[in-house]
Amino acid sequence: MHYGGNSIKLLTGNSHPELAQAVAERLNIPLVPCVVKNFSNGEIDVKISESVRDEDVFILQSGCFDVNDNLMELLILISACKTASARRITAVIPCYPYARQAQKDKSRAPITAKLVANMLATAGADHLITMDLHASQIQGFFDLPVDNLYTEPSVVRYIKLEIRGWQNSIVVSPDAGGAKRASAIADRLGTEFALIHRQKAGSETQNGANGSYLANGVNGFVNGITNGAIETATANGSSNGHVSDGSERMQLLVGDVKDKASLN
């Protein structure tokens, strides 16, 4: 396959090789053989097994799970391609690392999402492709082109194919940050939309969120598109509230996790 007159080279690290292989098969191109391993002292070693000179390189590496190792692998892969004279380097990051730290919401808090943007640019990335950024302002952290793709079409397709009785459902956002995405899915499905009102359980309690909404006699879907719904108590606490409110069944649809969670 060629892109802009140059052949595409697809690389990946250790974050999600299965996804990279699926993308390669869909594009009908081979994955460029790469060896990404650790030295005995913990440093990351990268070896790219074929030339990328004057090629359009796409590096697929997600920022989930071992976020720090995956981020460093990505940066080193970008730098290696840059020094190997790649024509153009696109970082494909389905889950942007440190996306939840995108604003200074308390004294002396770092804006780590901006730091990550600086690191990607310094490493040599020319273009970024990501999905459902936790905070839209992250796009403005870059001086290079950023494509923030949305999952709504895929989520709607999944719901229609896999969720029984989806016509009699309500799409719920676990917090205000996901309201726009959840309402867009509800509009596509032609169903109702609800927003969880959260109250902190205590000022000193981490991940202590609680909230509920009343939806009697319907199926409830929590649209947890951002990783925050999994990393905090929001999804779990909210889903318990939905069941106690009379919802027949709760489905959690979350982004960038290995398995879909279902609470019945």
C-alpha atoms as a PDB file:
ATOM      1  CA  MET A   1       0.000   0.000   0.000  1.00  0.00           C
ATOM      2  CA  HIS A   2       1.176   3.514  -0.823  1.00  0.00           C
ATOM      3  CA  TYR A   3       0.369   6.819   0.872  1.00  0.00           C
ATOM      4  CA  GLY A   4       1.207  10.067  -0.901  1.00  0.00           C
ATOM      5  CA  GLY A   5       3.433   8.243  -3.372  1.00  0.00           C
ATOM      6  CA  ASN A   6       5.410   6.460  -0.654  1.00  0.00           C
ATOM      7  CA  SER A   7       4.859   3.009   0.797  1.00  0.00           C
ATOM      8  CA  ILE A   8       3.435   2.677   4.301  1.00  0.00           C
ATOM      9  CA  LYS A   9       5.524   1.137   7.037  1.00  0.00           C
ATOM     10  CA  LEU A  10       3.614   0.020  10.125  1.00  0.00           C
ATOM     11  CA  LEU A  11       5.508  -0.509  13.377  1.00  0.00           C
ATOM     12  CA  THR A  12       4.476  -1.323  16.919  1.00  0.00           C
ATOM     13  CA  GLY A  13       5.929  -1.820  20.367  1.00  0.00           C
ATOM     14  CA  ASN A  14       4.693  -4.087  23.148  1.00  0.00           C
ATOM     15  CA  SER A  15       1.545  -2.205  24.167  1.00  0.00           C
ATOM     16  CA  HIS A  16      -0.910  -4.081  21.927  1.00  0.00           C
ATOM     17  CA  PRO A  17       0.737  -6.222  19.208  1.00  0.00           C
ATOM     18  CA  GLU A  18      -2.566  -7.987  18.493  1.00  0.00           C
ATOM     19  CA  LEU A  19      -4.216  -4.706  17.517  1.00  0.00           C
ATOM     20  CA  ALA A  20      -1.265  -3.776  15.294  1.00  0.00           C
ATOM     21  CA  GLN A  21      -1.440  -7.148  13.566  1.00  0.00           C
ATOM     22  CA  ALA A  22      -5.184  -6.729  12.983  1.00  0.00           C
ATOM     23  CA  VAL A  23      -4.584  -3.280  11.452  1.00  0.00           C
ATOM     24  CA  ALA A  24      -1.826  -4.677   9.236  1.00  0.00           C
ATOM     25  CA  GLU A  25      -4.117  -7.432   7.990  1.00  0.00           C
ATOM     26  CA  ARG A  26      -6.892  -4.931   7.325  1.00  0.00           C
ATOM     27  CA  LEU A  27      -4.490  -2.769   5.286  1.00  0.00           C
ATOM     28  CA  ASN A  28      -2.989  -5.846   3.641  1.00  0.00           C
ATOM     29  CA  ILE A  29       0.544  -4.835   4.582  1.00  0.00           C
ATOM     30  CA  PRO A  30       3.129  -6.600   6.754  1.00  0.00           C
ATOM     31  CA  LEU A  31       4.216  -5.304  10.127  1.00  0.00           C
ATOM     32  CA  VAL A  32       7.806  -4.103  10.062  1.00  0.00           C
ATOM     33  CA  PRO A  33       9.756  -6.540  12.261  1.00  0.00           C
ATOM     34  CA  CYS A  34      10.869  -4.779  15.438  1.00  0.00           C
ATOM     35  CA  VAL A  35      12.548  -6.071  18.557  1.00  0.00           C
ATOM     36  CA  VAL A  36      11.628  -4.032  21.622  1.00  0.00           C
ATOM     37  CA  LYS A  37      13.136  -5.410  24.810  1.00  0.00           C
ATOM     38  CA  ASN A  38      14.704  -4.347  28.079  1.00  0.00           C
ATOM     39  CA  PHE A  39      18.337  -4.440  29.058  1.00  0.00           C
ATOM     40  CA  SER A  40      19.165  -5.946  32.442  1.00  0.00           C
ATOM     41  CA  ASN A  41      19.258  -2.439  33.937  1.00  0.00           C
ATOM     42  CA  GLY A  42      15.709  -1.725  32.736  1.00  0.00           C
ATOM     43  CA  GLU A  43      16.580   0.469  29.747  1.00  0.00           C
ATOM     44  CA  ILE A  44      14.533  -0.096  26.586  1.00  0.00           C
ATOM     45  CA  ASP A  45      16.333  -1.351  23.491  1.00  0.00           C
ATOM     46  CA  VAL A  46      14.759  -1.012  20.030  1.00  0.00           C
ATOM     47  CA  LYS A  47      15.894  -2.647  16.802  1.00  0.00           C
ATOM     48  CA  ILE A  48      14.023  -2.013  13.514  1.00  0.00           C
ATOM     49  CA  SER A  49      14.783  -4.863  11.125  1.00  0.00           C
ATOM     50  CA  GLU A  50      14.240  -3.141   7.769  1.00  0.00           C
ATOM     51  CA  SER A  51      14.843   0.218   6.160  1.00  0.00           C
ATOM     52  CA  VAL A  52      12.362   3.049   6.656  1.00  0.00           C
ATOM     53  CA  ARG A  53      14.339   5.616   4.662  1.00  0.00           C
ATOM     54  CA  ASP A  54      12.036   8.037   2.793  1.00  0.00           C
ATOM     55  CA  GLU A  55       8.973   6.046   3.892  1.00  0.00           C
ATOM     56  CA  ASP A  56       5.722   7.113   5.570  1.00  0.00           C
ATOM     57  CA  VAL A  57       5.958   5.425   8.957  1.00  0.00           C
ATOM     58  CA  PHE A  58       2.987   4.748  11.246  1.00  0.00           C
ATOM     59  CA  ILE A  59       3.812   3.646  14.789  1.00  0.00           C
ATOM     60  CA  LEU A  60       0.855   2.109  16.621  1.00  0.00           C
ATOM     61  CA  GLN A  61       1.349   2.187  20.381  1.00  0.00           C
ATOM     62  CA  SER A  62      -1.359   2.682  22.977  1.00  0.00           C
ATOM     63  CA  GLY A  63      -0.901   4.421  26.308  1.00  0.00           C
ATOM     64  CA  CYS A  64      -2.840   1.958  28.444  1.00  0.00           C
ATOM     65  CA  PHE A  65      -1.711  -0.561  31.065  1.00  0.00           C
ATOM     66  CA  ASP A  66       2.086  -0.125  31.514  1.00  0.00           C
ATOM     67  CA  VAL A  67       1.779   3.511  30.535  1.00  0.00           C
ATOM     68  CA  ASN A  68       5.324   4.634  31.283  1.00  0.00           C
ATOM     69  CA  ASP A  69       7.035   1.730  29.501  1.00  0.00           C
ATOM     70  CA  ASN A  70       4.683   2.041  26.528  1.00  0.00           C
ATOM     71  CA  LEU A  71       5.303   5.776  26.280  1.00  0.00           C
ATOM     72  CA  MET A  72       9.081   5.346  26.369  1.00  0.00           C
ATOM     73  CA  GLU A  73       8.910   2.598  23.737  1.00  0.00           C
ATOM     74  CA  LEU A  74       6.912   4.924  21.499  1.00  0.00           C
ATOM     75  CA  LEU A  75       9.334   7.820  21.948  1.00  0.00           C
ATOM     76  CA  ILE A  76      12.351   5.622  21.202  1.00  0.00           C
ATOM     77  CA  LEU A  77      10.660   4.109  18.137  1.00  0.00           C
ATOM     78  CA  ILE A  78       9.857   7.594  16.813  1.00  0.00           C
ATOM     79  CA  SER A  79      13.421   8.753  17.432  1.00  0.00           C
ATOM     80  CA  ALA A  80      14.855   5.639  15.773  1.00  0.00           C
ATOM     81  CA  CYS A  81      12.740   6.208  12.653  1.00  0.00           C
ATOM     82  CA  LYS A  82      13.695   9.884  12.593  1.00  0.00           C
ATOM     83  CA  THR A  83      17.410   9.123  12.695  1.00  0.00           C
ATOM     84  CA  ALA A  84      16.841   6.424  10.053  1.00  0.00           C
ATOM     85  CA  SER A  85      15.605   9.158   7.641  1.00  0.00           C
ATOM     86  CA  ALA A  86      11.906   8.297   7.586  1.00  0.00           C
ATOM     87  CA  ARG A  87      10.018  10.734   5.358  1.00  0.00           C
ATOM     88  CA  ARG A  88       7.071  11.223   7.728  1.00  0.00           C
ATOM     89  CA  ILE A  89       6.274   9.706  11.135  1.00  0.00           C
ATOM     90  CA  THR A  90       2.716   9.343  12.419  1.00  0.00           C
ATOM     91  CA  ALA A  91       2.168   8.243  16.014  1.00  0.00           C
ATOM     92  CA  VAL A  92      -1.087   6.285  16.337  1.00  0.00           C
ATOM     93  CA  ILE A  93      -2.064   6.327  20.023  1.00  0.00           C
ATOM     94  CA  PRO A  94      -5.587   4.942  20.640  1.00  0.00           C
ATOM     95  CA  CYS A  95      -5.357   5.826  24.343  1.00  0.00           C
ATOM     96  CA  TYR A  96      -3.397   9.041  24.908  1.00  0.00           C
ATOM     97  CA  PRO A  97      -1.167   8.710  27.997  1.00  0.00           C
ATOM     98  CA  TYR A  98      -1.698  11.080  30.910  1.00  0.00           C
ATOM     99  CA  ALA A  99      -4.797  12.537  29.241  1.00  0.00           C
ATOM    100  CA  ARG A 100      -6.498  13.035  32.608  1.00  0.00           C
ATOM    101  CA  GLN A 101      -3.766  15.477  33.644  1.00  0.00           C
ATOM    102  CA  ALA A 102      -4.665  18.124  31.060  1.00  0.00           C
ATOM    103  CA  GLN A 103      -5.305  21.133  33.298  1.00  0.00           C
ATOM    104  CA  LYS A 104      -3.995  22.760  36.442  1.00  0.00           C
ATOM    105  CA  ASP A 105      -6.941  22.017  38.703  1.00  0.00           C
ATOM    106  CA  LYS A 106      -5.111  22.541  41.984  1.00  0.00           C
ATOM    107  CA  SER A 107      -2.061  24.345  43.275  1.00  0.00           C
ATOM    108  CA  ARG A 108       1.287  23.079  41.953  1.00  0.00           C
ATOM    109  CA  ALA A 109      -0.418  20.439  39.794  1.00  0.00           C
ATOM    110  CA  PRO A 110       1.471  19.469  36.610  1.00  0.00           C
ATOM    111  CA  ILE A 111      -0.123  19.551  33.160  1.00  0.00           C
ATOM    112  CA  THR A 112       1.398  16.215  32.215  1.00  0.00           C
ATOM    113  CA  ALA A 113      -0.597  15.813  29.003  1.00  0.00           C
ATOM    114  CA  LYS A 114       1.229  18.893  27.682  1.00  0.00           C
ATOM    115  CA  LEU A 115       4.569  17.388  28.726  1.00  0.00           C
ATOM    116  CA  VAL A 116       3.742  14.235  26.751  1.00  0.00           C
ATOM    117  CA  ALA A 117       2.893  16.385  23.713  1.00  0.00           C
ATOM    118  CA  ASN A 118       6.275  18.110  23.980  1.00  0.00           C
ATOM    119  CA  MET A 119       8.054  14.767  24.272  1.00  0.00           C
ATOM    120  CA  LEU A 120       6.351  13.371  21.164  1.00  0.00           C
ATOM    121  CA  ALA A 121       7.275  16.442  19.139  1.00  0.00           C
ATOM    122  CA  THR A 122      10.873  16.406  20.399  1.00  0.00           C
ATOM    123  CA  ALA A 123      11.223  12.708  19.536  1.00  0.00           C
ATOM    124  CA  GLY A 124      10.339  13.558  15.930  1.00  0.00           C
ATOM    125  CA  ALA A 125       6.626  12.838  15.392  1.00  0.00           C
ATOM    126  CA  ASP A 126       5.101  14.714  12.433  1.00  0.00           C
ATOM    127  CA  HIS A 127       1.455  13.756  12.990  1.00  0.00           C
ATOM    128  CA  LEU A 128      -0.680  12.274  15.764  1.00  0.00           C
ATOM    129  CA  ILE A 129      -3.762  10.071  15.479  1.00  0.00           C
ATOM    130  CA  THR A 130      -5.655   9.329  18.691  1.00  0.00           C
ATOM    131  CA  MET A 131      -9.189   8.482  19.817  1.00  0.00           C
ATOM    132  CA  ASP A 132     -11.713  10.111  22.146  1.00  0.00           C
ATOM    133  CA  LEU A 133      -9.328  12.385  24.012  1.00  0.00           C
ATOM    134  CA  HIS A 134     -10.285  12.718  27.659  1.00  0.00           C
ATOM    135  CA  ALA A 135      -9.967  16.502  27.271  1.00  0.00           C
ATOM    136  CA  SER A 136     -10.372  18.218  23.911  1.00  0.00           C
ATOM    137  CA  GLN A 137      -7.862  20.940  24.795  1.00  0.00           C
ATOM    138  CA  ILE A 138      -5.048  18.383  24.433  1.00  0.00           C
ATOM    139  CA  GLN A 139      -5.222  18.943  20.663  1.00  0.00           C
ATOM    140  CA  GLY A 140      -4.062  22.502  21.306  1.00  0.00           C
ATOM    141  CA  PHE A 141      -0.970  21.268  23.124  1.00  0.00           C
ATOM    142  CA  PHE A 142       0.597  20.319  19.773  1.00  0.00           C
ATOM    143  CA  ASP A 143       2.100  22.396  16.979  1.00  0.00           C
ATOM    144  CA  LEU A 144       1.776  19.378  14.672  1.00  0.00           C
ATOM    145  CA  PRO A 145      -1.451  18.017  13.099  1.00  0.00           C
ATOM    146  CA  VAL A 146      -3.637  15.989  15.486  1.00  0.00           C
ATOM    147  CA  ASP A 147      -6.559  13.813  14.389  1.00  0.00           C
ATOM    148  CA  ASN A 148      -8.861  12.963  17.301  1.00  0.00           C
ATOM    149  CA  LEU A 149     -11.104  10.171  16.021  1.00  0.00           C
ATOM    150  CA  TYR A 150     -14.473   9.420  17.589  1.00  0.00           C
ATOM    151  CA  THR A 151     -15.816   5.992  18.466  1.00  0.00           C
ATOM    152  CA  GLU A 152     -19.527   6.762  18.158  1.00  0.00           C
ATOM    153  CA  PRO A 153     -20.100   4.890  14.851  1.00  0.00           C
ATOM    154  CA  SER A 154     -18.406   1.739  16.167  1.00  0.00           C
ATOM    155  CA  VAL A 155     -20.159   1.937  19.546  1.00  0.00           C
ATOM    156  CA  VAL A 156     -23.559   2.396  17.902  1.00  0.00           C
ATOM    157  CA  ARG A 157     -22.891  -0.541  15.594  1.00  0.00           C
ATOM    158  CA  TYR A 158     -21.876  -2.721  18.529  1.00  0.00           C
ATOM    159  CA  ILE A 159     -24.955  -1.793  20.567  1.00  0.00           C
ATOM    160  CA  LYS A 160     -27.309  -2.565  17.689  1.00  0.00           C
ATOM    161  CA  LEU A 161     -25.654  -5.913  16.971  1.00  0.00           C
ATOM    162  CA  GLU A 162     -24.845  -7.162  20.467  1.00  0.00           C
ATOM    163  CA  ILE A 163     -27.181  -5.557  23.034  1.00  0.00           C
ATOM    164  CA  ARG A 164     -30.608  -7.082  23.241  1.00  0.00           C
ATOM    165  CA  GLY A 165     -33.469  -4.647  23.667  1.00  0.00           C
ATOM    166  CA  TRP A 166     -31.318  -1.624  22.888  1.00  0.00           C
ATOM    167  CA  GLN A 167     -34.391   0.228  21.569  1.00  0.00           C
ATOM    168  CA  ASN A 168     -35.722   0.377  25.157  1.00  0.00           C
ATOM    169  CA  SER A 169     -32.577   1.811  26.689  1.00  0.00           C
ATOM    170  CA  ILE A 170     -31.033   4.931  28.131  1.00  0.00           C
ATOM    171  CA  VAL A 171     -27.478   6.039  27.375  1.00  0.00           C
ATOM    172  CA  VAL A 172     -25.770   7.361  30.491  1.00  0.00           C
ATOM    173  CA  SER A 173     -22.619   9.426  30.871  1.00  0.00           C
ATOM    174  CA  PRO A 174     -20.824   8.713  34.177  1.00  0.00           C
ATOM    175  CA  ASP A 175     -19.670  12.345  34.413  1.00  0.00           C
ATOM    176  CA  ALA A 176     -19.939  15.712  32.706  1.00  0.00           C
ATOM    177  CA  GLY A 177     -16.765  15.091  30.705  1.00  0.00           C
ATOM    178  CA  GLY A 178     -18.405  12.308  28.722  1.00  0.00           C
ATOM    179  CA  ALA A 179     -21.780  14.015  28.263  1.00  0.00           C
ATOM    180  CA  LYS A 180     -21.123  15.178  24.698  1.00  0.00           C
ATOM    181  CA  ARG A 181     -20.063  11.720  23.517  1.00  0.00           C
ATOM    182  CA  ALA A 182     -22.900   9.942  25.318  1.00  0.00           C
ATOM    183  CA  SER A 183     -25.528  12.337  23.982  1.00  0.00           C
ATOM    184  CA  ALA A 184     -24.171  11.871  20.437  1.00  0.00           C
ATOM    185  CA  ILE A 185     -24.595   8.090  20.791  1.00  0.00           C
ATOM    186  CA  ALA A 186     -28.107   8.548  22.177  1.00  0.00           C
ATOM    187  CA  ASP A 187     -28.992  10.763  19.200  1.00  0.00           C
ATOM    188  CA  ARG A 188     -27.707   8.136  16.750  1.00  0.00           C
ATOM    189  CA  LEU A 189     -29.692   5.413  18.502  1.00  0.00           C
ATOM    190  CA  GLY A 190     -32.803   7.555  18.978  1.00  0.00           C
ATOM    191  CA  THR A 191     -32.870   6.750  22.706  1.00  0.00           C
ATOM    192  CA  GLU A 192     -32.894   8.752  25.922  1.00  0.00           C
ATOM    193  CA  PHE A 193     -29.815  10.298  27.518  1.00  0.00           C
ATOM    194  CA  ALA A 194     -28.952  10.844  31.195  1.00  0.00           C
ATOM    195  CA  LEU A 195     -26.059  12.356  33.109  1.00  0.00           C
ATOM    196  CA  ILE A 196     -24.761  11.139  36.451  1.00  0.00           C
ATOM    197  CA  HIS A 197     -24.524  13.738  39.187  1.00  0.00           C
ATOM    198  CA  ARG A 198     -21.474  12.905  41.256  1.00  0.00           C
ATOM    199  CA  GLN A 199     -20.788  13.790  44.856  1.00  0.00           C
ATOM    200  CA  LYS A 200     -17.443  13.190  46.478  1.00  0.00           C
ATOM    201  CA  ALA A 201     -17.674  10.789  49.392  1.00  0.00           C
ATOM    202  CA  GLY A 202     -15.073  12.826  51.278  1.00  0.00           C
ATOM    203  CA  SER A 203     -12.430  15.419  50.584  1.00  0.00           C
ATOM    204  CA  GLU A 204      -9.659  13.070  51.711  1.00  0.00           C
ATOM    205  CA  THR A 205     -10.961  10.004  49.854  1.00  0.00           C
ATOM    206  CA  GLN A 206      -9.409   9.203  46.494  1.00  0.00           C
ATOM    207  CA  ASN A 207     -11.677   7.773  43.803  1.00  0.00           C
ATOM    208  CA  GLY A 208     -14.612   8.238  46.158  1.00  0.00           C
ATOM    209  CA  ALA A 209     -17.364   9.239  43.731  1.00  0.00           C
ATOM    210  CA  ASN A 210     -21.034   8.493  44.202  1.00  0.00           C
ATOM    211  CA  GLY A 211     -24.124   9.344  42.160  1.00  0.00           C
ATOM    212  CA  SER A 212     -27.371   7.989  40.790  1.00  0.00           C
ATOM    213  CA  TYR A 213     -30.215   8.629  38.385  1.00  0.00           C
ATOM    214  CA  LEU A 214     -33.738   7.275  38.194  1.00  0.00           C
ATOM    215  CA  ALA A 215     -34.533   5.078  35.181  1.00  0.00           C
ATOM    216  CA  ASN A 216     -37.219   2.588  36.129  1.00  0.00           C
ATOM    217  CA  GLY A 217     -38.094  -0.280  33.839  1.00  0.00           C
ATOM    218  CA  VAL A 218     -35.427   0.276  31.165  1.00  0.00           C
ATOM    219  CA  ASN A 219     -32.044  -1.135  30.278  1.00  0.00           C
ATOM    220  CA  GLY A 220     -29.206   1.201  31.256  1.00  0.00           C
ATOM    221  CA  PHE A 221     -25.992   1.596  29.330  1.00  0.00           C
ATOM    222  CA  VAL A 222     -23.095   3.437  30.932  1.00  0.00           C
ATOM    223  CA  ASN A 223     -21.112   5.001  28.131  1.00  0.00           C
ATOM    224  CA  GLY A 224     -17.678   5.064  29.744  1.00  0.00           C
ATOM    225  CA  ILE A 225     -15.681   6.036  26.653  1.00  0.00           C
ATOM    226  CA  THR A 226     -12.793   7.557  28.567  1.00  0.00           C
ATOM    227  CA  ASN A 227     -10.406   5.555  30.697  1.00  0.00           C
ATOM    228  CA  GLY A 228     -11.526   7.496  33.753  1.00  0.00           C
ATOM    229  CA  ALA A 229     -14.624   5.333  34.040  1.00  0.00           C
ATOM    230  CA  ILE A 230     -12.451   2.303  34.688  1.00  0.00           C
ATOM    231  CA  GLU A 231      -9.709   3.857  36.784  1.00  0.00           C
ATOM    232  CA  THR A 232     -12.065   5.434  39.312  1.00  0.00           C
ATOM    233  CA  ALA A 233     -15.114   4.366  41.247  1.00  0.00           C
ATOM    234  CA  THR A 234     -17.447   6.288  38.923  1.00  0.00           C
ATOM    235  CA  ALA A 235     -18.603   3.430  36.701  1.00  0.00           C
ATOM    236  CA  ASN A 236     -18.935   0.921  39.519  1.00  0.00           C
ATOM    237  CA  GLY A 237     -20.733   3.259  41.894  1.00  0.00           C
ATOM    238  CA  SER A 238     -22.995   4.636  39.184  1.00  0.00           C
ATOM    239  CA  SER A 239     -23.943   1.207  37.882  1.00  0.00           C
ATOM    240  CA  ASN A 240     -24.883   0.069  41.379  1.00  0.00           C
ATOM    241  CA  GLY A 241     -27.110   3.127  41.637  1.00  0.00           C
ATOM    242  CA  HIS A 242     -28.792   2.335  38.313  1.00  0.00           C
ATOM    243  CA  VAL A 243     -29.591  -1.235  39.351  1.00  0.00           C
ATOM    244  CA  SER A 244     -30.999  -0.090  42.688  1.00  0.00           C
ATOM    245  CA  ASP A 245     -33.082   2.520  40.877  1.00  0.00           C
ATOM    246  CA  GLY A 246     -34.887  -0.237  38.995  1.00  0.00           C
ATOM    247  CA  SER A 247     -32.931  -0.630  35.760  1.00  0.00           C
ATOM    248  CA  GLU A 248     -33.255  -4.162  34.461  1.00  0.00           C
ATOM    249  CA  ARG A 249     -29.648  -4.488  33.267  1.00  0.00           C
ATOM    250  CA  MET A 250     -26.477  -2.422  33.178  1.00  0.00           C
ATOM    251  CA  GLN A 251     -23.873  -2.525  30.403  1.00  0.00           C
ATOM    252  CA  LEU A 252     -20.528  -0.772  30.693  1.00  0.00           C
ATOM    253  CA  LEU A 253     -19.081   0.249  27.338  1.00  0.00           C
ATOM    254  CA  VAL A 254     -15.547   1.470  27.924  1.00  0.00           C
ATOM    255  CA  GLY A 255     -12.647   2.427  25.697  1.00  0.00           C
ATOM    256  CA  ASP A 256      -9.248   0.751  25.436  1.00  0.00           C
ATOM    257  CA  VAL A 257      -9.748  -2.186  27.781  1.00  0.00           C
ATOM    258  CA  LYS A 258      -9.265  -5.878  27.108  1.00  0.00           C
ATOM    259  CA  ASP A 259     -12.776  -6.989  28.018  1.00  0.00           C
ATOM    260  CA  LYS A 260     -16.228  -5.428  28.067  1.00  0.00           C
ATOM    261  CA  ALA A 261     -17.743  -5.472  31.557  1.00  0.00           C
ATOM    262  CA  SER A 262     -21.407  -6.341  32.133  1.00  0.00           C
ATOM    263  CA  LEU A 263     -23.301  -5.967  35.396  1.00  0.00           C
ATOM    264  CA  ASN A 264     -26.618  -7.774  35.538  1.00  0.00           C
END
